[in-house]
N, C-alpha and C. Protein backbone atom coordinates (compact mmCIF):
# COMPACT_ATOMS: atom_id res chain seq x y z
N MET A 1 116.68 26.05 157.20
CA MET A 1 117.55 26.86 158.00
C MET A 1 118.71 27.38 157.11
N GLY A 2 118.97 28.63 157.35
CA GLY A 2 120.02 29.25 156.55
C GLY A 2 121.52 28.73 156.91
N ASN A 3 122.34 28.66 155.91
CA ASN A 3 123.76 28.18 156.18
C ASN A 3 124.65 29.10 156.72
N ARG A 4 125.67 28.67 157.25
CA ARG A 4 126.56 29.59 158.02
C ARG A 4 127.15 30.70 156.90
N GLN A 5 127.59 30.20 155.62
CA GLN A 5 128.13 31.02 154.64
C GLN A 5 127.16 32.22 154.43
N ALA A 6 126.08 31.78 154.21
CA ALA A 6 125.12 32.81 153.77
C ALA A 6 124.90 33.89 154.97
N LYS A 7 124.89 33.42 156.21
CA LYS A 7 124.75 34.20 157.44
C LYS A 7 125.85 35.12 157.56
N ASN A 8 127.00 34.62 157.17
CA ASN A 8 128.28 35.41 157.30
C ASN A 8 128.19 36.58 156.33
N ALA A 9 127.89 36.20 155.19
CA ALA A 9 127.63 37.24 154.12
C ALA A 9 126.66 38.32 154.49
N LEU A 10 125.45 37.98 155.04
CA LEU A 10 124.54 38.84 155.54
C LEU A 10 125.17 39.94 156.60
N PHE A 11 125.77 39.42 157.60
CA PHE A 11 126.28 40.28 158.56
C PHE A 11 127.52 40.97 158.13
N ASP A 12 128.25 40.32 157.07
CA ASP A 12 129.41 41.23 156.53
C ASP A 12 128.70 42.24 155.82
N GLY A 13 127.53 42.09 155.18
CA GLY A 13 126.88 43.32 154.60
C GLY A 13 126.62 44.41 155.58
N PHE A 14 126.08 43.90 156.65
CA PHE A 14 125.69 45.12 157.65
C PHE A 14 126.86 45.72 158.00
N ALA A 15 127.92 45.22 158.14
CA ALA A 15 129.30 45.69 158.60
C ALA A 15 129.89 46.75 157.66
N GLU A 16 129.24 46.70 156.35
CA GLU A 16 129.91 47.50 155.41
C GLU A 16 129.61 49.04 155.76
N VAL A 17 128.41 49.29 156.47
CA VAL A 17 128.09 50.54 156.89
C VAL A 17 128.94 51.07 157.94
N ALA A 18 129.27 50.19 158.81
CA ALA A 18 130.08 50.41 160.18
C ALA A 18 131.46 50.75 159.54
N LYS A 19 131.93 49.99 158.49
CA LYS A 19 133.29 50.09 157.88
C LYS A 19 133.34 51.52 157.35
N ALA A 20 132.31 51.88 156.61
CA ALA A 20 132.31 53.26 155.86
C ALA A 20 132.34 54.40 156.95
N LEU A 21 131.84 54.10 158.24
CA LEU A 21 131.89 55.14 159.19
C LEU A 21 133.16 55.03 160.15
N GLY A 22 133.88 54.06 159.75
CA GLY A 22 135.15 53.94 160.65
C GLY A 22 136.32 54.83 160.27
N ASN A 23 136.05 56.00 160.09
CA ASN A 23 136.97 57.09 159.69
C ASN A 23 136.45 58.34 160.22
N GLY A 24 137.48 59.12 160.88
CA GLY A 24 136.86 60.35 161.39
C GLY A 24 136.43 61.41 160.24
N ARG A 25 137.28 61.44 159.24
CA ARG A 25 136.94 62.23 158.18
C ARG A 25 135.66 62.05 157.48
N ARG A 26 135.24 60.73 157.51
CA ARG A 26 133.98 60.35 156.75
C ARG A 26 132.79 60.63 157.62
N VAL A 27 132.98 60.35 159.00
CA VAL A 27 131.94 60.92 159.93
C VAL A 27 131.81 62.53 159.90
N GLU A 28 132.76 63.15 159.70
CA GLU A 28 132.75 64.63 159.65
C GLU A 28 131.91 65.08 158.29
N LEU A 29 132.25 64.29 157.29
CA LEU A 29 131.35 64.62 156.08
C LEU A 29 129.96 64.45 156.28
N VAL A 30 129.67 63.41 157.09
CA VAL A 30 128.17 63.03 157.46
C VAL A 30 127.55 64.24 158.16
N ASP A 31 128.32 64.76 159.09
CA ASP A 31 127.96 65.80 159.90
C ASP A 31 127.65 67.12 159.18
N VAL A 32 128.61 67.36 158.25
CA VAL A 32 128.44 68.45 157.26
C VAL A 32 127.19 68.25 156.40
N LEU A 33 127.11 67.09 155.64
CA LEU A 33 126.04 66.86 154.85
C LEU A 33 124.57 66.80 155.44
N ALA A 34 124.49 66.74 156.87
CA ALA A 34 123.42 66.74 157.49
C ALA A 34 122.80 68.03 157.54
N GLN A 35 123.65 69.09 157.17
CA GLN A 35 123.20 70.50 156.95
C GLN A 35 122.51 70.73 155.61
N GLY A 36 122.75 69.91 154.68
CA GLY A 36 122.35 70.10 153.19
C GLY A 36 123.35 69.65 152.28
N GLU A 37 122.94 69.52 151.06
CA GLU A 37 123.87 69.02 150.02
C GLU A 37 125.06 70.09 149.85
N ARG A 38 126.25 69.59 149.44
CA ARG A 38 127.29 70.52 149.18
C ARG A 38 128.26 69.61 147.95
N HIS A 39 128.75 70.57 147.26
CA HIS A 39 129.73 70.10 146.35
C HIS A 39 131.21 69.69 146.69
N VAL A 40 131.88 68.82 146.19
CA VAL A 40 133.08 68.24 146.59
C VAL A 40 134.01 69.26 147.09
N GLU A 41 134.20 70.38 146.27
CA GLU A 41 135.40 71.35 146.65
C GLU A 41 135.02 72.17 147.86
N GLU A 42 133.68 72.22 148.20
CA GLU A 42 133.27 72.81 149.54
C GLU A 42 133.59 71.88 150.51
N LEU A 43 133.08 70.72 150.23
CA LEU A 43 133.38 69.69 151.58
C LEU A 43 134.94 69.60 151.83
N ALA A 44 135.64 69.45 150.77
CA ALA A 44 137.19 69.42 151.03
C ALA A 44 137.73 70.62 151.96
N GLY A 45 137.07 71.65 151.60
CA GLY A 45 137.48 73.01 152.62
C GLY A 45 136.88 72.66 153.97
N GLU A 46 135.89 72.13 153.98
CA GLU A 46 135.18 71.93 155.43
C GLU A 46 136.03 70.87 156.36
N ILE A 47 136.57 69.90 155.79
CA ILE A 47 137.20 68.85 156.57
C ILE A 47 138.67 68.83 156.43
N GLY A 48 139.13 69.94 155.70
CA GLY A 48 140.52 70.04 155.66
C GLY A 48 141.44 69.01 154.87
N GLN A 49 140.69 68.58 153.78
CA GLN A 49 141.39 67.61 152.96
C GLN A 49 141.55 67.97 151.57
N SER A 50 142.40 67.42 150.88
CA SER A 50 142.43 67.68 149.25
C SER A 50 141.18 67.26 148.65
N VAL A 51 140.71 67.67 147.56
CA VAL A 51 139.69 67.32 146.68
C VAL A 51 139.75 65.83 146.48
N ALA A 52 140.92 65.38 146.09
CA ALA A 52 141.12 63.99 145.89
C ALA A 52 140.88 63.00 147.10
N ASN A 53 141.36 63.29 148.07
CA ASN A 53 141.24 62.63 149.47
C ASN A 53 139.69 62.68 149.72
N THR A 54 139.02 63.78 149.59
CA THR A 54 137.71 63.97 149.71
C THR A 54 136.69 63.07 148.94
N SER A 55 137.10 63.23 147.72
CA SER A 55 136.34 62.45 146.72
C SER A 55 136.41 60.79 147.08
N HIS A 56 137.58 60.40 147.55
CA HIS A 56 137.71 59.13 147.86
C HIS A 56 136.89 58.69 149.07
N HIS A 57 136.81 59.55 150.14
CA HIS A 57 135.99 59.29 151.35
C HIS A 57 134.57 59.29 150.98
N LEU A 58 134.22 60.09 150.05
CA LEU A 58 132.95 60.31 149.68
C LEU A 58 132.51 59.01 148.74
N GLN A 59 133.40 58.36 147.99
CA GLN A 59 133.04 57.10 147.27
C GLN A 59 132.95 55.93 148.23
N VAL A 60 133.58 56.02 149.23
CA VAL A 60 133.39 54.95 150.26
C VAL A 60 131.92 54.91 151.04
N LEU A 61 131.52 56.31 151.34
CA LEU A 61 130.13 56.35 151.69
C LEU A 61 129.16 56.12 150.77
N ALA A 62 129.43 56.49 149.66
CA ALA A 62 128.32 56.15 148.46
C ALA A 62 128.25 54.85 148.42
N ALA A 63 129.43 53.89 148.35
CA ALA A 63 129.28 52.50 148.13
C ALA A 63 128.48 51.75 149.29
N ALA A 64 128.78 52.40 150.37
CA ALA A 64 127.81 51.85 151.61
C ALA A 64 126.33 52.36 151.42
N GLY A 65 125.99 53.17 150.63
CA GLY A 65 124.56 53.65 150.43
C GLY A 65 124.28 54.66 151.42
N LEU A 66 125.26 55.48 151.94
CA LEU A 66 125.05 56.71 152.86
C LEU A 66 124.91 57.86 152.35
N VAL A 67 125.44 58.00 151.03
CA VAL A 67 125.17 59.38 150.37
C VAL A 67 124.94 59.17 148.90
N THR A 68 124.25 59.98 148.26
CA THR A 68 123.99 59.98 146.77
C THR A 68 124.47 61.29 146.06
N THR A 69 124.58 61.36 144.93
CA THR A 69 124.92 62.48 144.19
C THR A 69 123.94 62.91 143.11
N ARG A 70 124.36 64.16 142.61
CA ARG A 70 123.84 64.74 141.51
C ARG A 70 124.79 65.69 140.72
N ARG A 71 124.76 65.78 139.63
CA ARG A 71 125.79 66.57 138.82
C ARG A 71 125.02 67.90 138.31
N ASP A 72 125.69 68.98 138.29
CA ASP A 72 125.36 70.36 137.84
C ASP A 72 126.37 70.88 137.14
N GLY A 73 126.38 70.69 135.81
CA GLY A 73 127.56 71.11 134.98
C GLY A 73 128.73 70.33 135.34
N ASN A 74 129.92 70.93 135.62
CA ASN A 74 131.00 70.25 135.96
C ASN A 74 131.17 69.87 137.57
N ARG A 75 130.22 70.21 138.25
CA ARG A 75 130.14 69.93 139.89
C ARG A 75 129.33 68.82 140.05
N ILE A 76 129.88 68.03 141.04
CA ILE A 76 129.12 66.77 141.63
C ILE A 76 128.75 67.36 143.12
N TYR A 77 127.40 67.23 143.25
CA TYR A 77 126.93 67.43 144.56
C TYR A 77 126.66 66.10 145.42
N TYR A 78 126.75 66.32 146.63
CA TYR A 78 126.41 65.06 147.48
C TYR A 78 125.52 65.51 148.47
N GLN A 79 124.62 64.46 148.86
CA GLN A 79 123.74 64.52 149.86
C GLN A 79 123.40 63.22 150.59
N LEU A 80 123.03 63.34 151.99
CA LEU A 80 122.68 62.06 152.60
C LEU A 80 121.59 61.29 151.85
N THR A 81 121.71 59.96 151.87
CA THR A 81 120.55 59.37 150.99
C THR A 81 119.30 59.31 151.66
N SER A 82 119.11 59.40 152.92
CA SER A 82 117.99 59.50 153.72
C SER A 82 118.18 60.13 155.23
N GLY A 83 117.00 60.37 155.73
CA GLY A 83 116.99 60.90 157.12
C GLY A 83 117.58 59.78 158.10
N ASP A 84 117.43 58.52 157.80
CA ASP A 84 117.96 57.49 158.39
C ASP A 84 119.56 57.49 158.70
N VAL A 85 120.30 58.04 157.55
CA VAL A 85 121.63 58.21 157.65
C VAL A 85 121.88 59.17 158.88
N GLU A 86 121.14 60.35 158.89
CA GLU A 86 121.33 61.52 159.89
C GLU A 86 121.15 60.73 161.16
N HIS A 87 120.08 59.97 161.34
CA HIS A 87 119.60 59.38 162.62
C HIS A 87 120.81 58.59 163.11
N LEU A 88 121.32 57.69 162.12
CA LEU A 88 122.47 56.88 162.36
C LEU A 88 123.63 57.74 163.14
N TRP A 89 123.89 58.71 162.43
CA TRP A 89 125.02 59.74 163.01
C TRP A 89 124.65 60.23 164.40
N THR A 90 123.34 60.63 164.57
CA THR A 90 122.91 61.09 165.85
C THR A 90 123.02 59.96 166.86
N VAL A 91 122.63 58.86 166.64
CA VAL A 91 122.65 57.72 167.67
C VAL A 91 124.23 57.34 167.82
N LEU A 92 125.15 57.25 166.75
CA LEU A 92 126.53 56.95 167.07
C LEU A 92 127.07 57.85 167.96
N ARG A 93 126.83 59.27 167.59
CA ARG A 93 127.33 60.21 168.50
C ARG A 93 126.84 60.11 170.08
N SER A 94 125.81 59.72 170.15
CA SER A 94 125.14 59.56 171.55
C SER A 94 125.74 58.30 172.29
N VAL A 95 126.02 57.19 171.57
CA VAL A 95 126.52 56.14 172.11
C VAL A 95 128.09 56.30 172.55
N ALA A 96 128.81 56.97 171.56
CA ALA A 96 130.21 57.41 171.87
C ALA A 96 130.27 58.33 173.15
N SER A 97 129.46 59.39 173.16
CA SER A 97 129.38 60.17 174.37
C SER A 97 129.08 59.55 175.65
N THR A 98 128.22 58.35 175.58
CA THR A 98 127.84 57.87 176.94
C THR A 98 128.92 56.73 177.29
N HIS A 99 129.60 56.09 176.19
CA HIS A 99 130.29 55.04 176.71
C HIS A 99 131.71 55.12 176.36
N LEU A 100 132.10 56.05 175.78
CA LEU A 100 133.63 56.30 175.75
C LEU A 100 134.11 57.33 176.72
N ASP A 101 135.01 56.82 177.55
CA ASP A 101 135.50 57.47 178.83
C ASP A 101 136.20 59.03 178.36
N ASP A 102 136.94 58.81 177.33
CA ASP A 102 137.81 59.82 176.95
C ASP A 102 137.04 60.96 176.08
N LEU A 103 135.96 60.54 175.59
CA LEU A 103 135.22 61.60 174.64
C LEU A 103 134.84 62.99 175.24
N GLU A 104 134.55 63.10 176.45
CA GLU A 104 134.33 64.38 177.15
C GLU A 104 135.44 65.21 177.08
N GLN A 105 136.77 64.57 177.36
CA GLN A 105 137.88 65.33 177.27
C GLN A 105 138.20 65.82 175.97
N LEU A 106 138.15 64.90 175.04
CA LEU A 106 138.28 65.23 173.53
C LEU A 106 137.39 66.51 173.16
N ALA A 107 136.16 66.42 173.65
CA ALA A 107 135.34 67.60 173.47
C ALA A 107 135.70 68.83 173.98
N VAL A 108 136.31 68.77 175.21
CA VAL A 108 136.70 70.11 175.91
C VAL A 108 138.00 70.36 175.14
N ASP A 109 138.85 69.57 174.78
CA ASP A 109 140.14 69.98 174.12
C ASP A 109 139.68 70.91 172.65
N TYR A 110 138.65 70.39 172.27
CA TYR A 110 138.12 71.10 170.88
C TYR A 110 137.37 72.33 171.09
N LEU A 111 136.34 72.04 172.16
CA LEU A 111 135.21 73.17 172.15
C LEU A 111 135.64 74.19 173.29
N GLY A 112 136.62 73.80 174.16
CA GLY A 112 136.83 74.80 175.29
C GLY A 112 135.88 74.47 176.40
N ASN A 113 136.22 75.06 177.41
CA ASN A 113 135.22 75.22 178.48
C ASN A 113 133.85 75.72 178.32
N ARG A 114 133.01 75.01 178.42
CA ARG A 114 131.53 75.67 178.12
C ARG A 114 130.69 75.87 179.38
N SER A 115 131.55 75.82 180.52
CA SER A 115 130.74 75.82 181.69
C SER A 115 130.10 77.31 181.76
N ARG A 116 130.67 78.43 181.40
CA ARG A 116 130.06 79.63 181.41
C ARG A 116 129.35 80.16 180.19
N LEU A 117 128.95 78.99 179.19
CA LEU A 117 128.22 79.27 178.06
C LEU A 117 126.61 78.86 178.38
N GLU A 118 125.81 79.90 178.47
CA GLU A 118 124.52 79.58 178.61
C GLU A 118 123.68 78.93 177.29
N GLU A 119 122.95 78.08 177.59
CA GLU A 119 122.18 77.42 176.44
C GLU A 119 120.90 77.68 176.43
N ILE A 120 120.02 77.51 175.41
CA ILE A 120 118.73 77.63 175.26
C ILE A 120 118.03 76.45 174.58
N SER A 121 117.03 75.98 175.15
CA SER A 121 116.63 74.66 174.53
C SER A 121 115.71 74.99 173.26
N ARG A 122 115.63 73.89 172.58
CA ARG A 122 114.71 74.25 171.45
C ARG A 122 113.30 74.65 171.50
N ASP A 123 112.61 74.01 172.75
CA ASP A 123 111.41 74.35 172.85
C ASP A 123 111.40 75.91 173.27
N GLU A 124 112.22 76.20 174.29
CA GLU A 124 112.00 77.76 174.65
C GLU A 124 112.22 78.64 173.47
N LEU A 125 113.31 78.27 172.66
CA LEU A 125 113.51 79.21 171.52
C LEU A 125 112.18 79.12 170.41
N ALA A 126 111.59 78.04 170.45
CA ALA A 126 110.47 78.11 169.50
C ALA A 126 109.24 79.13 170.09
N ARG A 127 109.37 79.11 171.46
CA ARG A 127 108.26 80.01 172.06
C ARG A 127 108.65 81.48 171.95
N ARG A 128 110.00 81.72 172.13
CA ARG A 128 110.40 82.95 172.00
C ARG A 128 110.30 83.53 170.72
N LEU A 129 110.60 82.75 169.58
CA LEU A 129 110.39 83.23 168.24
C LEU A 129 109.04 83.83 167.91
N GLU A 130 108.09 83.36 168.68
CA GLU A 130 106.70 83.88 168.46
C GLU A 130 106.65 85.31 169.04
N ASP A 131 107.24 85.68 170.08
CA ASP A 131 106.83 86.95 170.71
C ASP A 131 107.94 88.09 170.30
N GLY A 132 109.13 87.56 169.39
CA GLY A 132 110.12 88.57 168.90
C GLY A 132 110.73 89.30 169.95
N THR A 133 111.23 88.53 170.96
CA THR A 133 112.02 89.12 172.17
C THR A 133 113.61 88.65 171.93
N LEU A 134 113.88 88.00 170.85
CA LEU A 134 115.33 87.84 170.72
C LEU A 134 115.64 87.79 169.14
N ILE A 135 116.86 87.78 168.84
CA ILE A 135 117.52 87.65 167.52
C ILE A 135 118.24 86.33 167.41
N VAL A 136 117.94 85.66 166.36
CA VAL A 136 118.60 84.23 166.10
C VAL A 136 119.43 84.65 164.94
N ILE A 137 120.95 83.97 165.31
CA ILE A 137 121.74 84.24 164.12
C ILE A 137 122.40 82.67 163.83
N ASP A 138 122.36 82.56 162.36
CA ASP A 138 122.90 81.14 162.10
C ASP A 138 124.47 81.55 161.59
N VAL A 139 125.35 80.89 162.38
CA VAL A 139 126.68 81.17 162.15
C VAL A 139 127.40 80.07 161.19
N ARG A 140 126.71 79.32 160.66
CA ARG A 140 127.33 78.44 159.78
C ARG A 140 127.57 79.08 158.46
N PRO A 141 128.39 78.37 157.44
CA PRO A 141 128.55 78.92 156.12
C PRO A 141 127.35 79.32 155.30
N GLU A 142 127.29 80.14 154.61
CA GLU A 142 126.03 80.71 153.77
C GLU A 142 125.36 79.51 152.89
N ALA A 143 126.16 78.58 152.53
CA ALA A 143 125.61 77.46 151.68
C ALA A 143 124.77 76.63 152.42
N GLU A 144 125.11 76.44 153.80
CA GLU A 144 124.37 75.66 154.87
C GLU A 144 122.96 76.40 155.18
N TYR A 145 123.21 77.76 155.41
CA TYR A 145 121.92 78.63 155.67
C TYR A 145 121.07 78.42 154.50
N ALA A 146 121.64 78.59 153.30
CA ALA A 146 120.62 78.61 152.12
C ALA A 146 119.84 77.34 152.03
N ALA A 147 120.65 76.14 152.42
CA ALA A 147 120.00 74.80 152.26
C ALA A 147 118.81 74.67 153.27
N GLY A 148 118.82 75.41 154.44
CA GLY A 148 117.72 75.34 155.45
C GLY A 148 118.18 75.92 156.67
N HIS A 149 117.18 76.73 157.39
CA HIS A 149 117.62 77.34 158.43
C HIS A 149 116.55 77.44 159.43
N ILE A 150 116.66 77.76 160.67
CA ILE A 150 115.63 78.26 161.53
C ILE A 150 114.72 79.43 160.93
N ARG A 151 113.50 79.31 160.96
CA ARG A 151 112.68 80.42 160.41
C ARG A 151 112.91 81.69 161.12
N GLY A 152 113.27 82.74 160.30
CA GLY A 152 113.53 84.05 160.92
C GLY A 152 114.96 84.29 161.47
N ALA A 153 115.74 83.34 161.20
CA ALA A 153 117.27 83.58 161.58
C ALA A 153 117.92 84.30 160.52
N ARG A 154 119.01 85.01 161.06
CA ARG A 154 119.87 85.75 160.13
C ARG A 154 121.06 84.97 159.76
N SER A 155 121.57 85.07 158.73
CA SER A 155 122.86 84.54 158.26
C SER A 155 124.01 85.44 158.49
N VAL A 156 124.71 84.88 159.62
CA VAL A 156 126.02 85.62 160.11
C VAL A 156 127.02 84.73 160.17
N PRO A 157 127.57 84.28 159.11
CA PRO A 157 128.84 83.35 159.21
C PRO A 157 129.73 83.79 160.25
N ILE A 158 130.42 82.88 160.92
CA ILE A 158 131.27 83.21 162.10
C ILE A 158 132.24 84.09 161.68
N ASP A 159 132.98 83.78 160.59
CA ASP A 159 134.09 84.68 160.10
C ASP A 159 133.76 86.12 159.64
N GLN A 160 132.29 86.27 159.74
CA GLN A 160 131.94 87.72 159.45
C GLN A 160 131.17 88.42 160.63
N LEU A 161 131.09 87.53 161.78
CA LEU A 161 130.28 88.10 162.87
C LEU A 161 131.01 89.34 163.56
N SER A 162 132.24 89.55 163.51
CA SER A 162 132.73 90.67 164.27
C SER A 162 132.34 91.89 163.50
N ASN A 163 132.44 91.90 162.10
CA ASN A 163 132.05 93.16 161.36
C ASN A 163 130.32 93.38 161.38
N MET A 164 129.68 92.32 161.32
CA MET A 164 128.18 92.49 161.39
C MET A 164 127.67 92.85 162.61
N LEU A 165 128.32 92.45 163.74
CA LEU A 165 127.61 92.76 165.06
C LEU A 165 127.26 93.92 165.23
N ARG A 166 127.82 94.91 164.75
CA ARG A 166 127.39 96.53 165.04
C ARG A 166 126.02 96.69 164.37
N GLY A 167 125.79 95.86 163.45
CA GLY A 167 124.30 96.01 162.98
C GLY A 167 123.38 95.45 163.62
N LEU A 168 123.49 94.57 164.68
CA LEU A 168 122.42 94.12 165.52
C LEU A 168 122.15 94.84 166.64
N PRO A 169 120.79 94.94 166.84
CA PRO A 169 120.35 95.92 168.04
C PRO A 169 121.14 95.47 169.39
N THR A 170 121.36 96.30 170.05
CA THR A 170 122.24 96.04 171.38
C THR A 170 121.27 95.75 172.54
N ASP A 171 119.95 96.05 172.52
CA ASP A 171 119.07 95.79 173.72
C ASP A 171 118.28 94.46 173.59
N VAL A 172 118.68 93.58 172.71
CA VAL A 172 117.89 92.32 172.59
C VAL A 172 118.89 91.16 172.57
N GLU A 173 118.35 90.09 173.31
CA GLU A 173 119.19 88.89 173.42
C GLU A 173 119.59 88.25 172.00
N VAL A 174 120.68 87.79 171.92
CA VAL A 174 121.00 86.96 170.71
C VAL A 174 121.23 85.46 171.01
N VAL A 175 120.64 84.70 170.16
CA VAL A 175 120.84 83.29 170.13
C VAL A 175 121.51 82.88 168.94
N ALA A 176 122.70 82.20 169.10
CA ALA A 176 123.49 81.54 168.00
C ALA A 176 123.51 79.91 168.02
N TYR A 177 123.36 79.66 166.73
CA TYR A 177 123.19 78.10 166.39
C TYR A 177 124.08 77.68 165.28
N CYS A 178 124.43 76.59 165.16
CA CYS A 178 125.39 76.02 164.04
C CYS A 178 124.91 74.63 163.71
N ARG A 179 125.96 73.77 163.62
CA ARG A 179 125.52 72.33 163.23
C ARG A 179 125.17 71.30 164.00
N GLY A 180 125.30 71.52 165.24
CA GLY A 180 124.84 70.47 166.24
C GLY A 180 125.71 70.69 167.66
N PRO A 181 125.62 69.66 168.45
CA PRO A 181 126.15 69.85 169.96
C PRO A 181 127.81 69.88 169.85
N TYR A 182 128.42 69.42 168.70
CA TYR A 182 129.86 69.62 168.94
C TYR A 182 130.37 70.38 167.87
N CYS A 183 129.70 71.41 167.41
CA CYS A 183 129.95 72.51 166.46
C CYS A 183 130.49 73.65 167.36
N VAL A 184 131.71 74.10 167.01
CA VAL A 184 132.43 75.17 167.81
C VAL A 184 131.91 76.67 167.30
N PHE A 185 131.38 76.76 166.12
CA PHE A 185 130.87 78.15 165.72
C PHE A 185 130.15 79.02 166.52
N ALA A 186 129.02 78.38 167.15
CA ALA A 186 128.15 78.89 168.02
C ALA A 186 128.82 79.33 169.37
N ASP A 187 129.69 78.37 169.95
CA ASP A 187 130.41 78.95 170.97
C ASP A 187 131.30 80.23 170.78
N ASP A 188 131.95 80.25 169.58
CA ASP A 188 132.77 81.22 169.45
C ASP A 188 131.96 82.38 169.18
N ALA A 189 130.89 82.29 168.82
CA ALA A 189 129.82 83.54 168.58
C ALA A 189 129.47 83.89 169.81
N VAL A 190 128.92 83.20 170.70
CA VAL A 190 128.39 83.59 172.13
C VAL A 190 129.54 84.31 172.68
N ARG A 191 130.80 83.77 172.80
CA ARG A 191 131.96 84.36 173.57
C ARG A 191 132.21 85.96 173.06
N LEU A 192 132.20 85.93 171.68
CA LEU A 192 132.49 87.19 171.03
C LEU A 192 131.28 88.31 171.32
N ILE A 193 130.08 87.74 171.31
CA ILE A 193 129.03 88.77 171.64
C ILE A 193 129.00 89.06 173.20
N ARG A 194 129.31 88.16 173.87
CA ARG A 194 129.41 88.50 175.24
C ARG A 194 130.43 89.51 175.82
N ARG A 195 131.62 89.35 174.94
CA ARG A 195 132.82 90.23 175.23
C ARG A 195 132.30 91.71 174.91
N ARG A 196 131.31 91.71 173.88
CA ARG A 196 130.75 93.24 173.62
C ARG A 196 129.67 93.61 174.43
N SER A 197 129.54 92.91 175.78
CA SER A 197 128.70 93.42 176.72
C SER A 197 127.09 93.33 176.27
N ARG A 198 126.93 92.12 175.66
CA ARG A 198 125.67 91.89 175.22
C ARG A 198 125.11 90.53 175.47
N LYS A 199 123.97 90.40 175.65
CA LYS A 199 123.34 89.19 176.33
C LYS A 199 123.38 87.97 175.12
N ALA A 200 123.86 86.92 175.24
CA ALA A 200 123.75 85.79 174.12
C ALA A 200 123.95 84.44 174.84
N ARG A 201 123.07 83.52 174.02
CA ARG A 201 123.24 82.07 174.44
C ARG A 201 123.32 81.28 173.10
N ARG A 202 123.64 80.12 173.28
CA ARG A 202 123.60 79.10 172.23
C ARG A 202 122.59 78.10 172.27
N LEU A 203 122.09 77.80 171.04
CA LEU A 203 121.15 76.64 171.01
C LEU A 203 121.72 75.56 171.71
N GLN A 204 120.90 74.67 172.28
CA GLN A 204 121.41 73.46 172.87
C GLN A 204 122.15 72.54 172.01
N ASP A 205 121.78 72.49 170.70
CA ASP A 205 122.38 71.59 169.73
C ASP A 205 122.47 72.11 168.50
N GLY A 206 121.84 72.07 167.42
CA GLY A 206 121.95 72.66 166.20
C GLY A 206 120.76 72.63 165.19
N TYR A 207 120.97 73.00 164.01
CA TYR A 207 119.99 72.97 163.03
C TYR A 207 119.38 71.64 162.71
N PRO A 208 120.14 70.54 162.49
CA PRO A 208 119.43 69.21 162.26
C PRO A 208 118.58 68.74 163.31
N GLU A 209 118.93 69.14 164.56
CA GLU A 209 118.19 68.59 165.63
C GLU A 209 116.78 69.57 165.63
N TRP A 210 116.90 70.72 165.32
CA TRP A 210 115.77 71.63 165.35
C TRP A 210 114.77 71.11 164.17
N ARG A 211 115.32 70.83 163.15
CA ARG A 211 114.42 70.45 161.78
C ARG A 211 114.02 69.03 162.17
N THR A 212 114.77 68.10 162.91
CA THR A 212 114.13 66.89 163.25
C THR A 212 112.92 66.99 164.20
N ALA A 213 113.17 67.98 164.90
CA ALA A 213 111.92 68.16 166.08
C ALA A 213 110.81 68.98 165.40
N GLN A 214 110.88 69.29 164.16
CA GLN A 214 109.70 69.83 163.35
C GLN A 214 109.32 71.22 163.75
N HIS A 215 110.31 72.05 164.19
CA HIS A 215 110.21 73.28 164.57
C HIS A 215 110.24 74.07 163.09
N PRO A 216 109.81 75.36 163.31
CA PRO A 216 109.58 76.07 161.87
C PRO A 216 110.96 76.29 161.12
N THR A 217 111.14 75.97 159.83
CA THR A 217 112.41 76.21 159.08
C THR A 217 112.07 76.98 157.74
N GLU A 218 113.08 77.41 157.06
CA GLU A 218 112.94 78.08 155.92
C GLU A 218 114.16 77.52 155.12
N ALA A 219 114.22 77.91 153.83
CA ALA A 219 115.33 77.66 152.96
C ALA A 219 115.33 78.39 151.72
N ASN A 220 116.73 78.54 151.18
CA ASN A 220 116.96 79.16 149.88
C ASN A 220 116.44 80.77 149.90
N LEU A 221 116.73 81.43 150.99
CA LEU A 221 116.27 82.78 151.22
C LEU A 221 117.51 83.75 151.01
N LEU A 222 118.68 83.54 150.75
CA LEU A 222 119.71 84.30 150.55
C LEU A 222 119.45 85.29 149.24
N PRO A 223 119.83 86.54 149.53
CA PRO A 223 119.64 87.60 148.50
C PRO A 223 120.49 86.93 147.17
C-alpha cells in the first residue's frame, strides 16, 4: 500500500497543471495557441502584456508540460504540447460556463448582447460549403489563418474588414468565424456586415472546434 507522503506528492503533481492554468493571461495564451503556433512577440500583443511578462507565463505553462517550443533564428515559437491540452481548455471553459453563476454576465460585458446575432452550426456550414451558396471569412489575424483555416475560407482580419468588404459579392450570405465561442472578432464582423445591409451569420464556435469535428481544413495558403 502506498504511503501518504507519496500520495501527496502524486496529487500535488496533478495540481501543477491546475496551478499553471490558474491565471487568466495563461488561459488566454492557451486559447490563442489552440489556433496554431505563435512567437513570443505576437503572443504578447494578443494578450496585452509585455514580452517579459508573456515569456514568464509561457515558462509556467511549459514547466507544467502544456506548451512546447522551437527556435527559428532569434525567435522562439510556442505551441500546445498536444490535442489533450486543447481539450482540457475546452472542458475547463464548459465547466466554468455551467457552474459559475457570474460567467454569463462576464461574457455579456465583453461580447455584448448576442441575442440578435444569428449563428450557423458546424454541420450546416459543412453542407453549405459544398453547394457554394455562401462566403466564409476568417477574421482572425493572418498568422492564425496561415496555421490552419476552414477549407475555402477567405482571410479577412477584423481590422481590415471594413476596407475589404466592398470586394465581397453583395448577393451571397457571409459567415464569419474566429477563435471560439468567446471570441469577439466574428461578432464584430457580423454586426458590421449587417450594418451594410447584407446577410451575415457567425459560426457557432470557432476554428478549433471545426478542426476537432474533422470538417475540411487547409493551411499555409497565404500568398
